Amino acid sequence: MAFMGERDSAFVDKLVHIGRVAKVVKGGRRFAFTAIVVVGDENGRVGWGSGKAKEVPEAVRKATDAAKKRMVRVAMREGRTIHHDLVGKFGAASVVMKPAVPGTGIIAGGPIRAVFEAMGMKDVVTKSLGSNNPYNMIQATFNAFDVMETPRHVAAKRGLKMADLRSRRGEADEKDMPEAEVAPKAAAPAKKAAPAKKAAPAGKKAAPKKAAATEEAK
């Protein structure tokens, strides 16, 4: 379903879920439909809403109107991912989110993927734990957005400037780096070779030791 009108032309909507509800009455069963829609501008703003009606188009329209009224802005790092690890909880659902390097894409499924696509996020890794109810999963996702902090917020809390915070972050990164490998010890100097024995002059033969000993005895 696309939005109508020039004002809403910049928004993108994602139909997440359609459910059917039956009510038993005297004359039989009456059916109604519920819809969940996520709306975003692909530039950091996103919202969600639900609607209920006797026809699917009307339920989707109500959900779309509700989503447009509760849109929030989510800060993105470099315009493509989240700033830090997040954990969102709602009811029995829990959603874990982690920032990712460029080119990773959106690693998510179901309602969570629809939220990230509508808001324009490009790289993120998520994992859904617990309940897979679409209502709980979406609200757990938005709960994680509420607790996310940006460098500007952290600097304001600490009474620092952005430049000081970045310099401290750089120093911390240097401390976390592994120490340089120690240079190998210098090899021990080679032992000097024993001097070679002088060869006997040509024509002279060394007297045997036994002969010298017999002469001394005489």
Protein backbone atom coordinates (compact mmCIF):
# COMPACT_ATOMS: atom_id res chain seq x y z
CA MET A 1 0.00 0.00 0.00
CA ALA A 2 1.44 3.38 -0.96
CA PHE A 3 0.68 6.67 0.68
CA MET A 4 -1.38 9.20 -1.21
CA GLY A 5 -0.69 12.89 -1.46
CA GLU A 6 2.43 15.03 -1.96
CA ARG A 7 3.06 15.34 1.76
CA ASP A 8 3.33 11.58 2.24
CA SER A 9 5.19 10.77 -0.98
CA ALA A 10 8.53 10.63 0.88
CA PHE A 11 7.38 7.83 3.19
CA VAL A 12 7.65 4.09 2.66
CA ASP A 13 5.37 1.58 4.36
CA LYS A 14 5.83 -2.13 5.06
CA LEU A 15 2.91 -4.44 5.75
CA VAL A 16 4.19 -6.73 8.51
CA HIS A 17 1.25 -8.88 9.51
CA ILE A 18 -2.44 -9.52 8.77
CA GLY A 19 -4.54 -11.54 11.17
CA ARG A 20 -8.12 -12.75 11.06
CA VAL A 21 -10.39 -12.75 14.08
CA ALA A 22 -13.71 -14.63 14.17
CA LYS A 23 -16.60 -13.76 16.44
CA VAL A 24 -19.32 -16.38 16.91
CA VAL A 25 -22.83 -14.93 17.03
CA LYS A 26 -26.35 -16.36 16.82
CA GLY A 27 -26.49 -16.28 13.04
CA GLY A 28 -22.96 -17.67 12.48
CA ARG A 29 -19.44 -16.23 12.57
CA ARG A 30 -18.39 -12.67 11.84
CA PHE A 31 -14.83 -12.06 10.68
CA ALA A 32 -12.60 -9.07 11.32
CA PHE A 33 -9.03 -8.39 10.23
CA THR A 34 -6.07 -6.87 12.03
CA ALA A 35 -3.01 -5.34 10.34
CA ILE A 36 0.45 -4.17 11.47
CA VAL A 37 2.21 -1.57 9.33
CA VAL A 38 5.66 0.02 9.64
CA VAL A 39 6.20 3.48 8.13
CA GLY A 40 9.52 5.24 7.53
CA ASP A 41 11.23 7.90 5.43
CA GLU A 42 14.44 5.86 4.82
CA ASN A 43 16.37 8.64 6.54
CA GLY A 44 16.20 7.74 10.24
CA ARG A 45 12.48 8.20 10.98
CA VAL A 46 10.25 5.20 11.58
CA GLY A 47 6.98 4.30 13.27
CA TRP A 48 4.56 1.43 13.57
CA GLY A 49 0.84 1.03 14.06
CA SER A 50 -1.95 -1.51 14.13
CA GLY A 51 -5.53 -1.37 12.91
CA LYS A 52 -8.65 -3.53 12.98
CA ALA A 53 -11.62 -3.54 10.59
CA LYS A 54 -14.05 -5.83 8.83
CA GLU A 55 -12.07 -5.50 5.56
CA VAL A 56 -8.33 -5.78 4.98
CA PRO A 57 -7.85 -2.43 3.14
CA GLU A 58 -9.57 -0.54 5.93
CA ALA A 59 -7.48 -2.29 8.58
CA VAL A 60 -4.29 -1.41 6.68
CA ARG A 61 -5.38 2.23 6.36
CA LYS A 62 -6.02 2.50 10.09
CA ALA A 63 -2.65 0.92 10.87
CA THR A 64 -0.91 3.31 8.48
CA ASP A 65 -2.50 6.35 10.09
CA ALA A 66 -1.50 5.12 13.54
CA ALA A 67 2.09 4.52 12.41
CA LYS A 68 2.42 8.04 11.00
CA LYS A 69 1.32 9.52 14.32
CA ARG A 70 3.96 7.69 16.40
CA MET A 71 7.05 8.12 14.25
CA VAL A 72 10.38 8.56 16.03
CA ARG A 73 13.86 9.52 14.84
CA VAL A 74 16.67 7.02 15.35
CA ALA A 75 20.27 8.25 15.25
CA MET A 76 22.52 6.27 12.90
CA ARG A 77 26.30 6.12 12.80
CA GLU A 78 27.64 7.20 9.43
CA GLY A 79 24.05 7.04 8.20
CA ARG A 80 24.11 3.25 7.90
CA THR A 81 24.26 1.40 11.28
CA ILE A 82 23.62 1.74 15.02
CA HIS A 83 26.12 3.28 17.45
CA HIS A 84 26.59 0.36 19.85
CA ASP A 85 25.20 -3.01 20.92
CA LEU A 86 21.54 -2.90 21.99
CA VAL A 87 19.12 -5.23 23.73
CA GLY A 88 15.40 -4.49 23.61
CA LYS A 89 12.75 -6.33 25.61
CA PHE A 90 8.98 -6.33 25.60
CA GLY A 91 6.93 -9.03 27.23
CA ALA A 92 8.45 -12.41 26.39
CA ALA A 93 10.29 -11.07 23.32
CA SER A 94 13.93 -9.98 23.33
CA VAL A 95 15.89 -8.49 20.40
CA VAL A 96 19.70 -8.21 20.29
CA MET A 97 21.27 -5.73 17.85
CA LYS A 98 24.90 -5.14 16.91
CA PRO A 99 26.54 -2.63 14.55
CA ALA A 100 28.11 -4.03 11.40
CA VAL A 101 30.81 -3.07 8.90
CA PRO A 102 29.88 -1.64 5.49
CA GLY A 103 28.56 -4.25 3.10
CA THR A 104 27.07 -6.51 5.75
CA GLY A 105 23.47 -5.64 4.95
CA ILE A 106 20.46 -6.16 7.21
CA ILE A 107 20.77 -9.47 9.02
CA ALA A 108 17.24 -9.71 10.40
CA GLY A 109 13.94 -11.32 9.62
CA GLY A 110 10.23 -10.73 9.87
CA PRO A 111 9.01 -7.55 11.54
CA ILE A 112 12.53 -6.47 12.58
CA ARG A 113 13.74 -6.36 8.97
CA ALA A 114 10.73 -4.25 7.99
CA VAL A 115 11.63 -1.68 10.66
CA PHE A 116 15.24 -1.34 9.50
CA GLU A 117 14.32 -1.17 5.82
CA ALA A 118 11.72 1.54 6.44
CA MET A 119 14.15 3.68 8.46
CA GLY A 120 16.93 3.35 5.87
CA MET A 121 19.52 1.44 7.89
CA LYS A 122 21.95 -0.51 5.71
CA ASP A 123 24.23 -2.57 7.97
CA VAL A 124 23.10 -4.26 11.18
CA VAL A 125 23.10 -7.71 12.77
CA THR A 126 20.12 -8.77 14.91
CA LYS A 127 18.87 -11.83 16.73
CA SER A 128 15.36 -12.40 18.05
CA LEU A 129 15.03 -14.38 21.27
CA GLY A 130 11.93 -15.61 23.03
CA SER A 131 8.47 -14.88 21.67
CA ASN A 132 7.97 -14.52 17.90
CA ASN A 133 4.73 -12.56 18.29
CA PRO A 134 5.00 -9.68 15.75
CA TYR A 135 3.53 -7.17 18.20
CA ASN A 136 6.10 -8.02 20.86
CA MET A 137 9.00 -8.15 18.42
CA ILE A 138 8.31 -4.70 17.00
CA GLN A 139 7.86 -3.13 20.43
CA ALA A 140 11.08 -4.79 21.66
CA THR A 141 12.86 -3.25 18.66
CA PHE A 142 11.59 0.23 19.47
CA ASN A 143 12.47 -0.31 23.13
CA ALA A 144 16.09 -0.87 22.05
CA PHE A 145 16.01 2.41 20.09
CA ASP A 146 14.88 4.24 23.23
CA VAL A 147 17.98 3.18 25.22
CA MET A 148 20.49 3.89 22.45
CA GLU A 149 22.99 6.66 23.20
CA THR A 150 24.89 8.77 20.69
CA PRO A 151 28.37 10.28 21.19
CA ARG A 152 26.74 13.70 21.51
CA HIS A 153 24.53 12.51 24.39
CA VAL A 154 27.49 10.89 26.16
CA ALA A 155 29.58 14.07 25.80
CA ALA A 156 26.73 16.17 27.22
CA LYS A 157 26.37 13.86 30.24
CA ARG A 158 30.09 14.03 31.00
CA GLY A 159 30.37 17.76 30.38
CA LEU A 160 32.87 17.27 27.55
CA LYS A 161 33.20 18.47 24.02
CA MET A 162 32.94 16.13 21.09
CA ALA A 163 36.62 16.68 20.25
CA ASP A 164 37.68 15.71 23.80
CA LEU A 165 35.50 12.61 23.72
CA ARG A 166 36.96 11.51 20.40
CA SER A 167 40.52 12.05 21.63
CA ARG A 168 39.84 9.95 24.72
CA ARG A 169 38.29 7.26 22.58
CA GLY A 170 41.42 7.21 20.43
CA GLU A 171 43.64 6.83 23.51
CA ALA A 172 41.48 3.98 24.77
CA ASP A 173 41.76 2.23 21.43
CA GLU A 174 45.54 2.50 21.59
CA LYS A 175 45.60 0.97 25.09
CA ASP A 176 43.48 -1.93 23.91
CA MET A 177 45.90 -2.73 21.11
CA PRO A 178 48.17 -5.75 21.77
CA GLU A 179 51.73 -4.97 22.79
CA ALA A 180 54.39 -5.14 20.12
CA GLU A 181 56.24 -8.37 19.98
CA VAL A 182 59.51 -8.35 21.86
CA ALA A 183 62.55 -8.38 19.59
CA PRO A 184 64.33 -11.74 19.66
CA LYS A 185 67.48 -11.88 21.76
CA ALA A 186 70.79 -11.51 19.93
CA ALA A 187 72.41 -14.80 19.15
CA ALA A 188 75.33 -15.73 21.38
CA PRO A 189 78.71 -15.16 19.75
CA ALA A 190 80.10 -18.26 18.14
CA LYS A 191 82.93 -19.93 20.00
CA LYS A 192 86.36 -19.43 18.54
CA ALA A 193 87.67 -22.46 16.75
CA ALA A 194 90.77 -24.07 18.25
CA PRO A 195 93.96 -23.18 16.38
CA ALA A 196 95.01 -25.86 13.97
CA LYS A 197 98.13 -27.79 14.88
CA LYS A 198 101.21 -27.01 12.88
CA ALA A 199 102.15 -29.69 10.43
CA ALA A 200 105.59 -31.29 10.78
CA PRO A 201 108.17 -30.07 8.30
CA ALA A 202 108.59 -32.20 5.23
CA GLY A 203 111.25 -34.90 5.43
CA LYS A 204 111.16 -35.18 9.24
CA LYS A 205 109.09 -37.77 10.97
CA ALA A 206 108.01 -37.40 14.57
CA ALA A 207 109.63 -39.99 16.85
CA PRO A 208 107.17 -42.41 18.28
CA LYS A 209 106.39 -41.88 21.98
CA LYS A 210 107.22 -45.45 22.93
CA ALA A 211 110.76 -45.15 21.49
CA ALA A 212 111.40 -41.97 23.49
CA ALA A 213 110.30 -43.63 26.68
CA THR A 214 112.70 -46.63 26.22
CA GLU A 215 115.67 -44.35 25.60
CA GLU A 216 115.03 -42.46 28.88
CA ALA A 217 114.87 -45.76 30.76
CA LYS A 218 118.34 -46.70 29.45
